[in-house]
Amino acid sequence: MAPLHRSLAAELRRRIREGELAVGDSLPSEAQLCQEFGASRGPVRQALSALRDEGLIGGGQGKRAVVLDAVPAQPFETFLSFTRRAELTGHVPGQRLHEIALRHPEATVAAALGVEPESLVVQLVRLRLLDGRPAMLERMNYTESVGRPLLEADLNAGSIYALLTARGVDLHSARHTFDAVAADALDAKLLEVPEGTPLLRERRRTADSAGTALEWSEDRYRPDVATVTVTNTRSSRPTVNRL
């Protein structure tokens, strides 16, 4: 059974997602939530804190919480695992493999992975689902040694990262680049949006602890089901790339 604060947060997310609590609406007070859910203030405050971290609500310090957005934002520290993030935000994750093959890479993929164009890489296209709805389309490329086990795996069963990690693959670091892109014909078909719809695109290069590239992938998200947030603090001294 899920802890009370997670159940409470999931119910509030549902109300926001389904429009029972619209953007700009005030949430019930802590006292009202305690009474409704039969909870003490501790779990209620934990649930509200989780929704603040996701960018769904604002307010606090004695002020009534207000709905800011209907789509939970995804922090960078959880961006590698779509499955884990979906579970934390009260959604049911799913996936549907479209294709997987061992192929010669295009020039850009070969350059990103640091392999020769005549080498082989494992390429796959997979649709990710939230509560049965199309949410994100993955185009993933792995070096042959890393990706070959995926050819025999059940990729409709869950997280590829969890599968690779369980096999001892050293997924140490990832560099993410985000921009917007228009949906192409494949995006439109699988994500069920009109061709040309703006999508949030994430390009990702994942490397092992020695800095050797293992993966080069491109994920395209429907904008109505995914956003990204970055929190900076003065003590963290983040690196900023300016174009």
C-alpha atoms as a PDB file:
ATOM      1  CA  MET A   1       0.000   0.000   0.000  1.00  0.00           C
ATOM      2  CA  ALA A   2       1.358   3.432  -0.950  1.00  0.00           C
ATOM      3  CA  PRO A   3       2.236   5.876   1.851  1.00  0.00           C
ATOM      4  CA  LEU A   4      -0.567   8.305   2.655  1.00  0.00           C
ATOM      5  CA  HIS A   5       1.253  11.376   1.336  1.00  0.00           C
ATOM      6  CA  ARG A   6       1.756   9.698  -2.069  1.00  0.00           C
ATOM      7  CA  SER A   7      -1.895   8.682  -2.281  1.00  0.00           C
ATOM      8  CA  LEU A   8      -2.953  12.202  -1.347  1.00  0.00           C
ATOM      9  CA  ALA A   9      -0.597  13.744  -3.922  1.00  0.00           C
ATOM     10  CA  ALA A  10      -1.854  11.338  -6.597  1.00  0.00           C
ATOM     11  CA  GLU A  11      -5.467  12.326  -5.907  1.00  0.00           C
ATOM     12  CA  LEU A  12      -4.653  16.042  -6.106  1.00  0.00           C
ATOM     13  CA  ARG A  13      -2.759  15.476  -9.368  1.00  0.00           C
ATOM     14  CA  ARG A  14      -5.800  13.678 -10.747  1.00  0.00           C
ATOM     15  CA  ARG A  15      -8.101  16.571  -9.840  1.00  0.00           C
ATOM     16  CA  ILE A  16      -5.718  19.026 -11.506  1.00  0.00           C
ATOM     17  CA  ARG A  17      -5.194  16.866 -14.586  1.00  0.00           C
ATOM     18  CA  GLU A  18      -8.916  16.314 -15.096  1.00  0.00           C
ATOM     19  CA  GLY A  19      -9.824  19.963 -14.538  1.00  0.00           C
ATOM     20  CA  GLU A  20     -11.608  19.596 -11.214  1.00  0.00           C
ATOM     21  CA  LEU A  21      -8.990  22.064  -9.990  1.00  0.00           C
ATOM     22  CA  ALA A  22      -8.240  24.439 -12.870  1.00  0.00           C
ATOM     23  CA  VAL A  23      -5.199  26.673 -13.332  1.00  0.00           C
ATOM     24  CA  GLY A  24      -5.718  29.661 -11.040  1.00  0.00           C
ATOM     25  CA  ASP A  25      -7.952  27.795  -8.585  1.00  0.00           C
ATOM     26  CA  SER A  26      -7.067  27.616  -4.905  1.00  0.00           C
ATOM     27  CA  LEU A  27      -6.622  24.228  -3.312  1.00  0.00           C
ATOM     28  CA  PRO A  28      -8.493  23.370  -0.120  1.00  0.00           C
ATOM     29  CA  SER A  29      -6.702  24.535   3.001  1.00  0.00           C
ATOM     30  CA  GLU A  30      -4.422  22.165   4.909  1.00  0.00           C
ATOM     31  CA  ALA A  31      -7.120  21.825   7.566  1.00  0.00           C
ATOM     32  CA  GLN A  32      -9.728  20.921   4.928  1.00  0.00           C
ATOM     33  CA  LEU A  33      -7.409  18.362   3.328  1.00  0.00           C
ATOM     34  CA  CYS A  34      -6.652  16.834   6.718  1.00  0.00           C
ATOM     35  CA  GLN A  35     -10.366  16.464   7.378  1.00  0.00           C
ATOM     36  CA  GLU A  36     -11.172  15.104   3.896  1.00  0.00           C
ATOM     37  CA  PHE A  37      -8.418  12.486   3.886  1.00  0.00           C
ATOM     38  CA  GLY A  38      -8.365  11.701   7.587  1.00  0.00           C
ATOM     39  CA  ALA A  39      -4.703  12.694   7.710  1.00  0.00           C
ATOM     40  CA  SER A  40      -2.445  14.696   9.978  1.00  0.00           C
ATOM     41  CA  ARG A  41      -0.710  17.829   8.692  1.00  0.00           C
ATOM     42  CA  GLY A  42       2.554  15.943   8.051  1.00  0.00           C
ATOM     43  CA  PRO A  43       1.359  13.830   5.078  1.00  0.00           C
ATOM     44  CA  VAL A  44      -0.702  16.741   3.733  1.00  0.00           C
ATOM     45  CA  ARG A  45       2.340  19.023   3.723  1.00  0.00           C
ATOM     46  CA  GLN A  46       4.482  16.302   2.109  1.00  0.00           C
ATOM     47  CA  ALA A  47       1.911  15.915  -0.664  1.00  0.00           C
ATOM     48  CA  LEU A  48       1.709  19.671  -1.265  1.00  0.00           C
ATOM     49  CA  SER A  49       5.498  19.916  -1.276  1.00  0.00           C
ATOM     50  CA  ALA A  50       5.692  17.235  -3.988  1.00  0.00           C
ATOM     51  CA  LEU A  51       3.210  19.151  -6.147  1.00  0.00           C
ATOM     52  CA  ARG A  52       5.192  22.374  -5.657  1.00  0.00           C
ATOM     53  CA  ASP A  53       8.381  20.613  -6.761  1.00  0.00           C
ATOM     54  CA  GLU A  54       6.558  19.481  -9.914  1.00  0.00           C
ATOM     55  CA  GLY A  55       5.440  23.039 -10.667  1.00  0.00           C
ATOM     56  CA  LEU A  56       1.748  22.150 -10.356  1.00  0.00           C
ATOM     57  CA  ILE A  57       1.007  24.503  -7.472  1.00  0.00           C
ATOM     58  CA  GLY A  58       2.403  27.652  -5.880  1.00  0.00           C
ATOM     59  CA  GLY A  59       1.876  29.381  -2.585  1.00  0.00           C
ATOM     60  CA  GLY A  60       2.777  28.373   0.924  1.00  0.00           C
ATOM     61  CA  GLN A  61       4.018  29.987   4.125  1.00  0.00           C
ATOM     62  CA  GLY A  62       0.488  30.589   5.323  1.00  0.00           C
ATOM     63  CA  LYS A  63      -0.971  31.316   1.874  1.00  0.00           C
ATOM     64  CA  ARG A  64      -3.490  29.031   0.185  1.00  0.00           C
ATOM     65  CA  ALA A  65      -1.897  26.873  -2.546  1.00  0.00           C
ATOM     66  CA  VAL A  66      -2.913  27.832  -6.100  1.00  0.00           C
ATOM     67  CA  VAL A  67      -2.841  25.654  -9.228  1.00  0.00           C
ATOM     68  CA  LEU A  68      -0.131  26.894 -11.628  1.00  0.00           C
ATOM     69  CA  ASP A  69      -0.081  24.179 -14.279  1.00  0.00           C
ATOM     70  CA  ALA A  70      -1.877  20.976 -15.236  1.00  0.00           C
ATOM     71  CA  VAL A  71       1.230  19.155 -16.486  1.00  0.00           C
ATOM     72  CA  PRO A  72       3.844  18.050 -13.916  1.00  0.00           C
ATOM     73  CA  ALA A  73       7.351  19.239 -14.752  1.00  0.00           C
ATOM     74  CA  GLN A  74      10.212  16.781 -14.847  1.00  0.00           C
ATOM     75  CA  PRO A  75      13.456  17.625 -13.046  1.00  0.00           C
ATOM     76  CA  PHE A  76      16.754  16.655 -14.651  1.00  0.00           C
ATOM     77  CA  GLU A  77      17.703  14.160 -11.950  1.00  0.00           C
ATOM     78  CA  THR A  78      14.862  11.835 -13.009  1.00  0.00           C
ATOM     79  CA  PHE A  79      14.971  12.434 -16.751  1.00  0.00           C
ATOM     80  CA  LEU A  80      16.722   9.160 -17.577  1.00  0.00           C
ATOM     81  CA  SER A  81      13.802   7.074 -16.309  1.00  0.00           C
ATOM     82  CA  PHE A  82      10.437   7.771 -17.894  1.00  0.00           C
ATOM     83  CA  THR A  83       9.001   4.796 -15.983  1.00  0.00           C
ATOM     84  CA  ARG A  84      10.170   6.010 -12.584  1.00  0.00           C
ATOM     85  CA  ARG A  85       8.976   9.561 -13.139  1.00  0.00           C
ATOM     86  CA  ALA A  86       5.560   8.371 -14.288  1.00  0.00           C
ATOM     87  CA  GLU A  87       5.176   6.277 -11.149  1.00  0.00           C
ATOM     88  CA  LEU A  88       6.237   9.140  -8.874  1.00  0.00           C
ATOM     89  CA  THR A  89       3.652  11.466 -10.419  1.00  0.00           C
ATOM     90  CA  GLY A  90       0.770   9.019 -10.113  1.00  0.00           C
ATOM     91  CA  HIS A  91       0.620   7.823 -13.733  1.00  0.00           C
ATOM     92  CA  VAL A  92       0.703   4.308 -15.142  1.00  0.00           C
ATOM     93  CA  PRO A  93       3.658   4.050 -17.564  1.00  0.00           C
ATOM     94  CA  GLY A  94       3.556   1.913 -20.664  1.00  0.00           C
ATOM     95  CA  GLN A  95       5.455   1.297 -23.860  1.00  0.00           C
ATOM     96  CA  ARG A  96       4.979  -0.137 -27.332  1.00  0.00           C
ATOM     97  CA  LEU A  97       7.956  -1.161 -29.468  1.00  0.00           C
ATOM     98  CA  HIS A  98       7.645   0.058 -33.055  1.00  0.00           C
ATOM     99  CA  GLU A  99      10.883  -1.373 -34.465  1.00  0.00           C
ATOM    100  CA  ILE A 100      14.373  -2.526 -33.505  1.00  0.00           C
ATOM    101  CA  ALA A 101      17.259  -3.436 -35.816  1.00  0.00           C
ATOM    102  CA  LEU A 102      21.027  -3.736 -36.141  1.00  0.00           C
ATOM    103  CA  ARG A 103      22.063  -1.156 -38.749  1.00  0.00           C
ATOM    104  CA  HIS A 104      24.878   0.977 -40.078  1.00  0.00           C
ATOM    105  CA  PRO A 105      24.474   4.408 -38.441  1.00  0.00           C
ATOM    106  CA  GLU A 106      23.858   7.690 -40.174  1.00  0.00           C
ATOM    107  CA  ALA A 107      26.803  10.109 -40.089  1.00  0.00           C
ATOM    108  CA  THR A 108      25.422  12.165 -37.185  1.00  0.00           C
ATOM    109  CA  VAL A 109      24.760   9.054 -35.072  1.00  0.00           C
ATOM    110  CA  ALA A 110      28.213   7.627 -35.844  1.00  0.00           C
ATOM    111  CA  ALA A 111      29.844  10.912 -34.859  1.00  0.00           C
ATOM    112  CA  ALA A 112      27.867  11.148 -31.606  1.00  0.00           C
ATOM    113  CA  LEU A 113      28.745   7.573 -30.641  1.00  0.00           C
ATOM    114  CA  GLY A 114      32.347   7.850 -31.796  1.00  0.00           C
ATOM    115  CA  VAL A 115      32.098   4.845 -34.138  1.00  0.00           C
ATOM    116  CA  GLU A 116      32.882   4.334 -37.804  1.00  0.00           C
ATOM    117  CA  PRO A 117      30.006   4.661 -40.329  1.00  0.00           C
ATOM    118  CA  GLU A 118      30.591   1.060 -41.461  1.00  0.00           C
ATOM    119  CA  SER A 119      30.168  -0.282 -37.925  1.00  0.00           C
ATOM    120  CA  LEU A 120      26.850  -1.568 -36.576  1.00  0.00           C
ATOM    121  CA  VAL A 121      24.621   0.027 -33.949  1.00  0.00           C
ATOM    122  CA  VAL A 122      21.355  -1.093 -32.398  1.00  0.00           C
ATOM    123  CA  GLN A 123      18.540   1.283 -33.335  1.00  0.00           C
ATOM    124  CA  LEU A 124      15.030   1.204 -31.944  1.00  0.00           C
ATOM    125  CA  VAL A 125      11.862   3.272 -32.047  1.00  0.00           C
ATOM    126  CA  ARG A 126       9.504   2.934 -29.083  1.00  0.00           C
ATOM    127  CA  LEU A 127       6.315   4.738 -28.094  1.00  0.00           C
ATOM    128  CA  ARG A 128       5.929   5.621 -24.406  1.00  0.00           C
ATOM    129  CA  LEU A 129       2.503   5.848 -22.815  1.00  0.00           C
ATOM    130  CA  LEU A 130       1.007   7.557 -19.767  1.00  0.00           C
ATOM    131  CA  ASP A 131      -2.236   5.984 -18.575  1.00  0.00           C
ATOM    132  CA  GLY A 132      -2.566   4.402 -22.014  1.00  0.00           C
ATOM    133  CA  ARG A 133      -2.164   7.727 -23.875  1.00  0.00           C
ATOM    134  CA  PRO A 134       0.725   8.398 -26.295  1.00  0.00           C
ATOM    135  CA  ALA A 135       3.212  10.659 -24.505  1.00  0.00           C
ATOM    136  CA  MET A 136       6.691  10.363 -26.018  1.00  0.00           C
ATOM    137  CA  LEU A 137       8.429   8.750 -28.986  1.00  0.00           C
ATOM    138  CA  GLU A 138      11.944   7.385 -28.465  1.00  0.00           C
ATOM    139  CA  ARG A 139      14.502   7.022 -31.244  1.00  0.00           C
ATOM    140  CA  MET A 140      17.429   5.299 -29.528  1.00  0.00           C
ATOM    141  CA  ASN A 141      20.866   4.306 -30.830  1.00  0.00           C
ATOM    142  CA  TYR A 142      23.284   2.093 -28.876  1.00  0.00           C
ATOM    143  CA  THR A 143      26.766   0.882 -29.624  1.00  0.00           C
ATOM    144  CA  GLU A 144      26.642  -2.741 -30.738  1.00  0.00           C
ATOM    145  CA  SER A 145      28.184  -4.206 -27.565  1.00  0.00           C
ATOM    146  CA  VAL A 146      25.711  -2.353 -25.327  1.00  0.00           C
ATOM    147  CA  GLY A 147      22.610  -2.693 -27.459  1.00  0.00           C
ATOM    148  CA  ARG A 148      22.860  -6.253 -28.777  1.00  0.00           C
ATOM    149  CA  PRO A 149      21.103  -7.802 -25.708  1.00  0.00           C
ATOM    150  CA  LEU A 150      18.117  -5.543 -26.443  1.00  0.00           C
ATOM    151  CA  LEU A 151      17.485  -7.465 -29.675  1.00  0.00           C
ATOM    152  CA  GLU A 152      16.298 -10.447 -27.624  1.00  0.00           C
ATOM    153  CA  ALA A 153      14.716  -8.546 -24.705  1.00  0.00           C
ATOM    154  CA  ASP A 154      11.049  -7.753 -24.095  1.00  0.00           C
ATOM    155  CA  LEU A 155      11.154  -3.998 -24.585  1.00  0.00           C
ATOM    156  CA  ASN A 156       7.445  -3.681 -23.857  1.00  0.00           C
ATOM    157  CA  ALA A 157       8.094  -4.764 -20.266  1.00  0.00           C
ATOM    158  CA  GLY A 158       9.545  -1.567 -18.805  1.00  0.00           C
ATOM    159  CA  SER A 159      12.640   0.616 -18.527  1.00  0.00           C
ATOM    160  CA  ILE A 160      15.509  -0.033 -20.930  1.00  0.00           C
ATOM    161  CA  TYR A 161      17.844   1.739 -18.520  1.00  0.00           C
ATOM    162  CA  ALA A 162      16.844  -0.639 -15.719  1.00  0.00           C
ATOM    163  CA  LEU A 163      17.459  -3.601 -18.029  1.00  0.00           C
ATOM    164  CA  LEU A 164      20.895  -2.360 -19.086  1.00  0.00           C
ATOM    165  CA  THR A 165      21.888  -1.480 -15.527  1.00  0.00           C
ATOM    166  CA  ALA A 166      20.869  -4.961 -14.367  1.00  0.00           C
ATOM    167  CA  ARG A 167      23.220  -6.358 -17.028  1.00  0.00           C
ATOM    168  CA  GLY A 168      26.085  -4.324 -15.621  1.00  0.00           C
ATOM    169  CA  VAL A 169      26.191  -1.540 -18.218  1.00  0.00           C
ATOM    170  CA  ASP A 170      27.939   1.533 -16.777  1.00  0.00           C
ATOM    171  CA  LEU A 171      25.412   4.327 -17.483  1.00  0.00           C
ATOM    172  CA  HIS A 172      27.395   6.991 -15.703  1.00  0.00           C
ATOM    173  CA  SER A 173      26.491  10.371 -17.183  1.00  0.00           C
ATOM    174  CA  ALA A 174      24.259  11.969 -19.791  1.00  0.00           C
ATOM    175  CA  ARG A 175      24.274  15.255 -21.678  1.00  0.00           C
ATOM    176  CA  HIS A 176      20.799  16.554 -22.536  1.00  0.00           C
ATOM    177  CA  THR A 177      19.924  19.127 -25.195  1.00  0.00           C
ATOM    178  CA  PHE A 178      16.352  20.439 -25.387  1.00  0.00           C
ATOM    179  CA  ASP A 179      14.586  22.311 -28.151  1.00  0.00           C
ATOM    180  CA  ALA A 180      11.317  22.342 -30.068  1.00  0.00           C
ATOM    181  CA  VAL A 181      10.705  20.467 -33.305  1.00  0.00           C
ATOM    182  CA  ALA A 182       7.731  19.990 -35.633  1.00  0.00           C
ATOM    183  CA  ALA A 183       6.150  16.527 -35.643  1.00  0.00           C
ATOM    184  CA  ASP A 184       7.094  14.523 -38.725  1.00  0.00           C
ATOM    185  CA  ALA A 185       4.943  11.798 -40.293  1.00  0.00           C
ATOM    186  CA  LEU A 186       6.072   9.092 -37.854  1.00  0.00           C
ATOM    187  CA  ASP A 187       5.592  11.367 -34.831  1.00  0.00           C
ATOM    188  CA  ALA A 188       2.117  12.298 -36.045  1.00  0.00           C
ATOM    189  CA  LYS A 189       1.096   8.681 -36.550  1.00  0.00           C
ATOM    190  CA  LEU A 190       2.356   7.270 -33.245  1.00  0.00           C
ATOM    191  CA  LEU A 191       1.791  10.284 -30.977  1.00  0.00           C
ATOM    192  CA  GLU A 192      -1.652  10.899 -32.510  1.00  0.00           C
ATOM    193  CA  VAL A 193      -1.068  14.574 -33.275  1.00  0.00           C
ATOM    194  CA  PRO A 194      -1.317  16.524 -36.545  1.00  0.00           C
ATOM    195  CA  GLU A 195       1.868  16.618 -38.608  1.00  0.00           C
ATOM    196  CA  GLY A 196       3.745  19.844 -37.813  1.00  0.00           C
ATOM    197  CA  THR A 197       2.600  19.968 -34.168  1.00  0.00           C
ATOM    198  CA  PRO A 198       5.343  21.488 -31.958  1.00  0.00           C
ATOM    199  CA  LEU A 199       6.987  18.800 -29.810  1.00  0.00           C
ATOM    200  CA  LEU A 200       9.502  19.047 -26.980  1.00  0.00           C
ATOM    201  CA  ARG A 201      12.656  17.306 -28.205  1.00  0.00           C
ATOM    202  CA  GLU A 202      15.405  15.918 -25.986  1.00  0.00           C
ATOM    203  CA  ARG A 203      18.658  14.758 -27.546  1.00  0.00           C
ATOM    204  CA  ARG A 204      20.783  12.701 -25.185  1.00  0.00           C
ATOM    205  CA  ARG A 205      24.327  11.334 -25.231  1.00  0.00           C
ATOM    206  CA  THR A 206      24.939   8.805 -22.465  1.00  0.00           C
ATOM    207  CA  ALA A 207      28.474   7.743 -21.538  1.00  0.00           C
ATOM    208  CA  ASP A 208      30.218   5.389 -19.133  1.00  0.00           C
ATOM    209  CA  SER A 209      32.492   6.494 -16.287  1.00  0.00           C
ATOM    210  CA  ALA A 210      35.450   6.641 -18.695  1.00  0.00           C
ATOM    211  CA  GLY A 211      33.566   9.047 -20.962  1.00  0.00           C
ATOM    212  CA  THR A 212      32.974   6.511 -23.748  1.00  0.00           C
ATOM    213  CA  ALA A 213      29.676   7.071 -25.548  1.00  0.00           C
ATOM    214  CA  LEU A 214      27.144   4.259 -25.178  1.00  0.00           C
ATOM    215  CA  GLU A 215      23.929   5.847 -26.428  1.00  0.00           C
ATOM    216  CA  TRP A 216      22.736   8.655 -28.678  1.00  0.00           C
ATOM    217  CA  SER A 217      18.992   9.140 -28.604  1.00  0.00           C
ATOM    218  CA  GLU A 218      16.250  11.566 -29.495  1.00  0.00           C
ATOM    219  CA  ASP A 219      12.980  11.667 -27.567  1.00  0.00           C
ATOM    220  CA  ARG A 220       9.985  13.703 -28.714  1.00  0.00           C
ATOM    221  CA  TYR A 221       7.302  14.587 -26.157  1.00  0.00           C
ATOM    222  CA  ARG A 222       3.745  15.741 -26.643  1.00  0.00           C
ATOM    223  CA  PRO A 223       3.692  19.203 -25.036  1.00  0.00           C
ATOM    224  CA  ASP A 224       0.410  18.501 -23.263  1.00  0.00           C
ATOM    225  CA  VAL A 225       1.925  15.677 -21.218  1.00  0.00           C
ATOM    226  CA  ALA A 226       5.505  16.774 -20.506  1.00  0.00           C
ATOM    227  CA  THR A 227       7.445  19.847 -19.455  1.00  0.00           C
ATOM    228  CA  VAL A 228      10.917  20.248 -17.972  1.00  0.00           C
ATOM    229  CA  THR A 229      12.034  22.405 -15.088  1.00  0.00           C
ATOM    230  CA  VAL A 230      15.528  23.381 -13.942  1.00  0.00           C
ATOM    231  CA  THR A 231      16.197  24.647 -10.439  1.00  0.00           C
ATOM    232  CA  ASN A 232      19.417  26.603  -9.913  1.00  0.00           C
ATOM    233  CA  THR A 233      20.884  27.664  -6.582  1.00  0.00           C
ATOM    234  CA  ARG A 234      23.789  30.039  -6.031  1.00  0.00           C
ATOM    235  CA  SER A 235      25.773  27.331  -4.239  1.00  0.00           C
ATOM    236  CA  SER A 236      25.488  24.850  -7.116  1.00  0.00           C
ATOM    237  CA  ARG A 237      27.378  27.071  -9.607  1.00  0.00           C
ATOM    238  CA  PRO A 238      25.717  25.545 -12.695  1.00  0.00           C
ATOM    239  CA  THR A 239      27.447  25.546 -16.052  1.00  0.00           C
ATOM    240  CA  VAL A 240      25.586  27.716 -18.533  1.00  0.00           C
ATOM    241  CA  ASN A 241      25.941  27.299 -22.292  1.00  0.00           C
ATOM    242  CA  ARG A 242      25.020  30.405 -24.284  1.00  0.00           C
ATOM    243  CA  LEU A 243      24.517  30.330 -28.035  1.00  0.00           C
END
